[in-house]
Amino acid sequence: MKGIIDNILNKLQLFSKAMMGPIFFLPVIGLILALSSILTNATLINEHSAVFSIGKMIGDTFWPLFGNLGLIFCIGITYGLAKDKKSEAALVAVMCFIMFLGAQFFLSAIQRPRRGQDQR
């Protein structure tokens, strides 16, 4: 029984080490987005100033990272868990993630009510 528990703990430790890569970037991205939020605050900075435009550009650049956290974690965990050929593993992970998104879209399209049908 102790061997099984040790094996599970070792696997969880490997997984947690693989999770650390993507997690390390989140505070940096959060700080940059906080700065962007300050620079685009209309009560502090004129909306027609260059500083406001720079803050908006920074925000528009970094917000998509939060919108695609699933993809970032998919790549980071795969890269962290692969023993060799890490780049190939990450590429396969991206392809699988895109296929997952396609299947998810297909299933959501099936479940959407059609026009003219009784919506219950």
C-alpha atoms as a PDB file:
ATOM      1  CA  MET A   1       0.000   0.000   0.000  1.00  0.00           C
ATOM      2  CA  LYS A   2       2.849   2.378   0.810  1.00  0.00           C
ATOM      3  CA  GLY A   3       4.358   1.800  -2.644  1.00  0.00           C
ATOM      4  CA  ILE A   4       1.106   2.806  -4.343  1.00  0.00           C
ATOM      5  CA  ILE A   5       0.859   5.990  -2.290  1.00  0.00           C
ATOM      6  CA  ASP A   6       4.499   6.851  -3.011  1.00  0.00           C
ATOM      7  CA  ASN A   7       3.921   6.273  -6.732  1.00  0.00           C
ATOM      8  CA  ILE A   8       0.856   8.537  -6.715  1.00  0.00           C
ATOM      9  CA  LEU A   9       2.746  11.226  -4.802  1.00  0.00           C
ATOM     10  CA  ASN A  10       5.668  11.038  -7.253  1.00  0.00           C
ATOM     11  CA  LYS A  11       3.314  11.429 -10.226  1.00  0.00           C
ATOM     12  CA  LEU A  12       1.558  14.373  -8.573  1.00  0.00           C
ATOM     13  CA  GLN A  13       4.930  15.962  -7.860  1.00  0.00           C
ATOM     14  CA  LEU A  14       5.907  15.649 -11.542  1.00  0.00           C
ATOM     15  CA  PHE A  15       2.590  17.177 -12.562  1.00  0.00           C
ATOM     16  CA  SER A  16       2.973  20.071 -10.128  1.00  0.00           C
ATOM     17  CA  LYS A  17       6.471  20.790 -11.458  1.00  0.00           C
ATOM     18  CA  ALA A  18       5.055  20.885 -14.989  1.00  0.00           C
ATOM     19  CA  MET A  19       2.345  23.318 -13.834  1.00  0.00           C
ATOM     20  CA  MET A  20       4.914  25.749 -12.459  1.00  0.00           C
ATOM     21  CA  GLY A  21       6.046  26.940 -15.904  1.00  0.00           C
ATOM     22  CA  PRO A  22       2.737  28.484 -16.986  1.00  0.00           C
ATOM     23  CA  ILE A  23       1.944  29.679 -13.462  1.00  0.00           C
ATOM     24  CA  PHE A  24       5.162  31.715 -13.216  1.00  0.00           C
ATOM     25  CA  PHE A  25       4.008  34.001 -16.031  1.00  0.00           C
ATOM     26  CA  LEU A  26       0.603  34.847 -14.536  1.00  0.00           C
ATOM     27  CA  PRO A  27       1.772  37.387 -11.897  1.00  0.00           C
ATOM     28  CA  VAL A  28       3.873  39.243 -14.459  1.00  0.00           C
ATOM     29  CA  ILE A  29       0.964  39.409 -16.887  1.00  0.00           C
ATOM     30  CA  GLY A  30      -1.316  40.534 -14.054  1.00  0.00           C
ATOM     31  CA  LEU A  31       1.036  43.351 -13.057  1.00  0.00           C
ATOM     32  CA  ILE A  32       1.325  44.547 -16.647  1.00  0.00           C
ATOM     33  CA  LEU A  33      -2.473  44.501 -16.994  1.00  0.00           C
ATOM     34  CA  ALA A  34      -2.790  46.460 -13.733  1.00  0.00           C
ATOM     35  CA  LEU A  35      -0.425  49.071 -15.147  1.00  0.00           C
ATOM     36  CA  SER A  36      -2.489  49.145 -18.331  1.00  0.00           C
ATOM     37  CA  SER A  37      -5.636  49.639 -16.277  1.00  0.00           C
ATOM     38  CA  ILE A  38      -4.065  52.585 -14.462  1.00  0.00           C
ATOM     39  CA  LEU A  39      -2.880  54.130 -17.721  1.00  0.00           C
ATOM     40  CA  THR A  40      -6.374  53.871 -19.234  1.00  0.00           C
ATOM     41  CA  ASN A  41      -8.267  55.197 -16.214  1.00  0.00           C
ATOM     42  CA  ALA A  42     -10.251  58.144 -17.568  1.00  0.00           C
ATOM     43  CA  THR A  43     -10.343  59.888 -14.180  1.00  0.00           C
ATOM     44  CA  LEU A  44      -6.545  59.975 -14.023  1.00  0.00           C
ATOM     45  CA  ILE A  45      -5.468  60.351 -17.630  1.00  0.00           C
ATOM     46  CA  ASN A  46      -6.996  62.209 -20.548  1.00  0.00           C
ATOM     47  CA  GLU A  47      -8.467  59.786 -23.092  1.00  0.00           C
ATOM     48  CA  HIS A  48      -6.850  61.638 -25.994  1.00  0.00           C
ATOM     49  CA  SER A  49      -3.309  61.555 -24.609  1.00  0.00           C
ATOM     50  CA  ALA A  50      -0.409  59.408 -25.767  1.00  0.00           C
ATOM     51  CA  VAL A  51      -0.175  57.783 -22.320  1.00  0.00           C
ATOM     52  CA  PHE A  52      -3.776  56.587 -22.616  1.00  0.00           C
ATOM     53  CA  SER A  53      -3.059  55.160 -26.075  1.00  0.00           C
ATOM     54  CA  ILE A  54       0.026  53.340 -24.797  1.00  0.00           C
ATOM     55  CA  GLY A  55      -1.963  51.893 -21.895  1.00  0.00           C
ATOM     56  CA  LYS A  56      -4.685  50.757 -24.282  1.00  0.00           C
ATOM     57  CA  MET A  57      -2.108  49.144 -26.560  1.00  0.00           C
ATOM     58  CA  ILE A  58      -0.539  47.311 -23.601  1.00  0.00           C
ATOM     59  CA  GLY A  59      -3.951  46.095 -22.448  1.00  0.00           C
ATOM     60  CA  ASP A  60      -4.996  45.001 -25.921  1.00  0.00           C
ATOM     61  CA  THR A  61      -1.718  43.110 -26.217  1.00  0.00           C
ATOM     62  CA  PHE A  62      -1.863  41.251 -22.903  1.00  0.00           C
ATOM     63  CA  TRP A  63      -5.602  40.541 -22.412  1.00  0.00           C
ATOM     64  CA  PRO A  64      -5.610  37.809 -25.088  1.00  0.00           C
ATOM     65  CA  LEU A  65      -3.133  35.895 -22.925  1.00  0.00           C
ATOM     66  CA  PHE A  66      -5.795  35.605 -20.238  1.00  0.00           C
ATOM     67  CA  GLY A  67      -8.346  34.681 -22.878  1.00  0.00           C
ATOM     68  CA  ASN A  68      -6.172  31.776 -24.002  1.00  0.00           C
ATOM     69  CA  LEU A  69      -5.041  30.411 -20.644  1.00  0.00           C
ATOM     70  CA  GLY A  70      -6.269  26.958 -21.630  1.00  0.00           C
ATOM     71  CA  LEU A  71      -3.891  26.849 -24.574  1.00  0.00           C
ATOM     72  CA  ILE A  72      -1.008  28.257 -22.518  1.00  0.00           C
ATOM     73  CA  PHE A  73      -1.488  25.622 -19.821  1.00  0.00           C
ATOM     74  CA  CYS A  74      -1.882  22.901 -22.460  1.00  0.00           C
ATOM     75  CA  ILE A  75       1.479  23.776 -23.992  1.00  0.00           C
ATOM     76  CA  GLY A  76       3.227  24.398 -20.667  1.00  0.00           C
ATOM     77  CA  ILE A  77       2.121  21.186 -18.990  1.00  0.00           C
ATOM     78  CA  THR A  78       2.923  19.085 -22.049  1.00  0.00           C
ATOM     79  CA  TYR A  79       6.337  20.703 -22.384  1.00  0.00           C
ATOM     80  CA  GLY A  80       6.997  20.162 -18.681  1.00  0.00           C
ATOM     81  CA  LEU A  81       5.930  16.506 -18.651  1.00  0.00           C
ATOM     82  CA  ALA A  82       7.764  15.439 -21.820  1.00  0.00           C
ATOM     83  CA  LYS A  83      11.091  13.759 -21.138  1.00  0.00           C
ATOM     84  CA  ASP A  84      12.485  14.280 -24.623  1.00  0.00           C
ATOM     85  CA  LYS A  85      11.259  15.847 -27.878  1.00  0.00           C
ATOM     86  CA  LYS A  86       9.553  18.579 -25.864  1.00  0.00           C
ATOM     87  CA  SER A  87       8.819  20.774 -28.869  1.00  0.00           C
ATOM     88  CA  GLU A  88       7.109  17.914 -30.708  1.00  0.00           C
ATOM     89  CA  ALA A  89       5.025  17.147 -27.626  1.00  0.00           C
ATOM     90  CA  ALA A  90       3.988  20.795 -27.369  1.00  0.00           C
ATOM     91  CA  LEU A  91       3.017  20.855 -31.063  1.00  0.00           C
ATOM     92  CA  VAL A  92       0.878  17.731 -30.650  1.00  0.00           C
ATOM     93  CA  ALA A  93      -0.721  19.335 -27.586  1.00  0.00           C
ATOM     94  CA  VAL A  94      -1.657  22.410 -29.636  1.00  0.00           C
ATOM     95  CA  MET A  95      -3.175  20.224 -32.362  1.00  0.00           C
ATOM     96  CA  CYS A  96      -5.164  18.242 -29.773  1.00  0.00           C
ATOM     97  CA  PHE A  97      -6.356  21.462 -28.154  1.00  0.00           C
ATOM     98  CA  ILE A  98      -7.553  22.802 -31.512  1.00  0.00           C
ATOM     99  CA  MET A  99      -9.372  19.516 -32.188  1.00  0.00           C
ATOM    100  CA  PHE A 100     -10.951  19.781 -28.726  1.00  0.00           C
ATOM    101  CA  LEU A 101     -12.179  23.285 -29.544  1.00  0.00           C
ATOM    102  CA  GLY A 102     -13.636  22.038 -32.830  1.00  0.00           C
ATOM    103  CA  ALA A 103     -15.464  19.196 -31.093  1.00  0.00           C
ATOM    104  CA  GLN A 104     -16.701  21.575 -28.413  1.00  0.00           C
ATOM    105  CA  PHE A 105     -18.061  23.954 -31.059  1.00  0.00           C
ATOM    106  CA  PHE A 106     -19.759  21.067 -32.872  1.00  0.00           C
ATOM    107  CA  LEU A 107     -21.428  19.832 -29.699  1.00  0.00           C
ATOM    108  CA  SER A 108     -22.589  23.307 -28.744  1.00  0.00           C
ATOM    109  CA  ALA A 109     -24.080  23.754 -32.232  1.00  0.00           C
ATOM    110  CA  ILE A 110     -26.048  20.523 -31.832  1.00  0.00           C
ATOM    111  CA  GLN A 111     -27.450  21.556 -28.476  1.00  0.00           C
ATOM    112  CA  ARG A 112     -28.467  25.072 -29.555  1.00  0.00           C
ATOM    113  CA  PRO A 113     -32.197  25.377 -30.186  1.00  0.00           C
ATOM    114  CA  ARG A 114     -33.091  25.855 -33.823  1.00  0.00           C
ATOM    115  CA  ARG A 115     -35.112  28.841 -35.010  1.00  0.00           C
ATOM    116  CA  GLY A 116     -38.840  28.340 -35.030  1.00  0.00           C
ATOM    117  CA  GLN A 117     -38.746  25.444 -32.609  1.00  0.00           C
ATOM    118  CA  ASP A 118     -40.418  25.538 -29.253  1.00  0.00           C
ATOM    119  CA  GLN A 119     -37.862  26.657 -26.665  1.00  0.00           C
ATOM    120  CA  ARG A 120     -38.495  25.002 -23.320  1.00  0.00           C
END
